[in-house]
Amino acid sequence: MLTLLFQIHFLMILSSNWAYLKDASKMQAYQDIKAKEEQELQDIQSRSKEQLNSYT
């Protein structure tokens, strides 16, 4: 009986770790996309400023 309890506990820990890793993976992908979009926005803003400066 005690062995069964330990096995259930072990499986619960494995499940928790798997969920944590899966969530961390999704968060990393989100951070990568966010950083890329922020870089693109900065590039667009700098090009826009350059074009405005060329007109003056």
C-alpha atoms as a PDB file:
ATOM      1  CA  MET A   1       0.000   0.000   0.000  1.00  0.00           C
ATOM      2  CA  LEU A   2       2.793   2.384   0.898  1.00  0.00           C
ATOM      3  CA  THR A   3       4.568   1.630  -2.377  1.00  0.00           C
ATOM      4  CA  LEU A   4       1.429   2.540  -4.290  1.00  0.00           C
ATOM      5  CA  LEU A   5       1.217   5.829  -2.425  1.00  0.00           C
ATOM      6  CA  PHE A   6       4.856   6.606  -3.283  1.00  0.00           C
ATOM      7  CA  GLN A   7       4.236   5.787  -6.942  1.00  0.00           C
ATOM      8  CA  ILE A   8       1.210   8.078  -7.073  1.00  0.00           C
ATOM      9  CA  HIS A   9       3.214  10.834  -5.403  1.00  0.00           C
ATOM     10  CA  PHE A  10       6.053  10.326  -7.896  1.00  0.00           C
ATOM     11  CA  LEU A  11       3.652  10.527 -10.845  1.00  0.00           C
ATOM     12  CA  MET A  12       2.139  13.714  -9.452  1.00  0.00           C
ATOM     13  CA  ILE A  13       5.616  15.256  -9.239  1.00  0.00           C
ATOM     14  CA  LEU A  14       6.391  14.183 -12.801  1.00  0.00           C
ATOM     15  CA  SER A  15       3.143  15.703 -13.999  1.00  0.00           C
ATOM     16  CA  SER A  16       3.883  18.951 -12.212  1.00  0.00           C
ATOM     17  CA  ASN A  17       7.383  19.144 -13.683  1.00  0.00           C
ATOM     18  CA  TRP A  18       6.065  18.405 -17.171  1.00  0.00           C
ATOM     19  CA  ALA A  19       3.480  21.185 -16.871  1.00  0.00           C
ATOM     20  CA  TYR A  20       6.153  23.605 -15.637  1.00  0.00           C
ATOM     21  CA  LEU A  21       8.490  22.784 -18.527  1.00  0.00           C
ATOM     22  CA  LYS A  22       5.695  23.035 -21.082  1.00  0.00           C
ATOM     23  CA  ASP A  23       4.644  26.416 -19.700  1.00  0.00           C
ATOM     24  CA  ALA A  24       8.253  27.645 -19.634  1.00  0.00           C
ATOM     25  CA  SER A  25       8.676  26.617 -23.265  1.00  0.00           C
ATOM     26  CA  LYS A  26       5.577  28.555 -24.297  1.00  0.00           C
ATOM     27  CA  MET A  27       6.724  31.572 -22.284  1.00  0.00           C
ATOM     28  CA  GLN A  28      10.134  31.507 -23.992  1.00  0.00           C
ATOM     29  CA  ALA A  29       8.478  31.414 -27.415  1.00  0.00           C
ATOM     30  CA  TYR A  30       6.273  34.344 -26.401  1.00  0.00           C
ATOM     31  CA  GLN A  31       9.285  36.337 -25.176  1.00  0.00           C
ATOM     32  CA  ASP A  32      11.130  35.663 -28.450  1.00  0.00           C
ATOM     33  CA  ILE A  33       8.176  36.872 -30.532  1.00  0.00           C
ATOM     34  CA  LYS A  34       7.714  39.909 -28.308  1.00  0.00           C
ATOM     35  CA  ALA A  35      11.403  40.878 -28.589  1.00  0.00           C
ATOM     36  CA  LYS A  36      11.298  40.492 -32.373  1.00  0.00           C
ATOM     37  CA  GLU A  37       8.193  42.670 -32.657  1.00  0.00           C
ATOM     38  CA  GLU A  38       9.714  45.335 -30.402  1.00  0.00           C
ATOM     39  CA  GLN A  39      12.860  45.363 -32.552  1.00  0.00           C
ATOM     40  CA  GLU A  40      10.767  45.718 -35.715  1.00  0.00           C
ATOM     41  CA  LEU A  41       8.841  48.592 -34.139  1.00  0.00           C
ATOM     42  CA  GLN A  42      12.072  50.363 -33.206  1.00  0.00           C
ATOM     43  CA  ASP A  43      13.369  49.884 -36.758  1.00  0.00           C
ATOM     44  CA  ILE A  44      10.179  51.362 -38.205  1.00  0.00           C
ATOM     45  CA  GLN A  45      10.323  54.318 -35.824  1.00  0.00           C
ATOM     46  CA  SER A  46      13.961  55.048 -36.622  1.00  0.00           C
ATOM     47  CA  ARG A  47      13.287  54.871 -40.381  1.00  0.00           C
ATOM     48  CA  SER A  48      10.325  57.179 -39.932  1.00  0.00           C
ATOM     49  CA  LYS A  49      12.459  59.696 -38.025  1.00  0.00           C
ATOM     50  CA  GLU A  50      15.139  59.496 -40.716  1.00  0.00           C
ATOM     51  CA  GLN A  51      12.567  60.223 -43.422  1.00  0.00           C
ATOM     52  CA  LEU A  52      11.171  63.172 -41.464  1.00  0.00           C
ATOM     53  CA  ASN A  53      14.676  64.560 -40.999  1.00  0.00           C
ATOM     54  CA  SER A  54      15.425  64.225 -44.704  1.00  0.00           C
ATOM     55  CA  TYR A  55      12.418  66.442 -45.542  1.00  0.00           C
ATOM     56  CA  THR A  56      13.605  69.293 -43.328  1.00  0.00           C
END
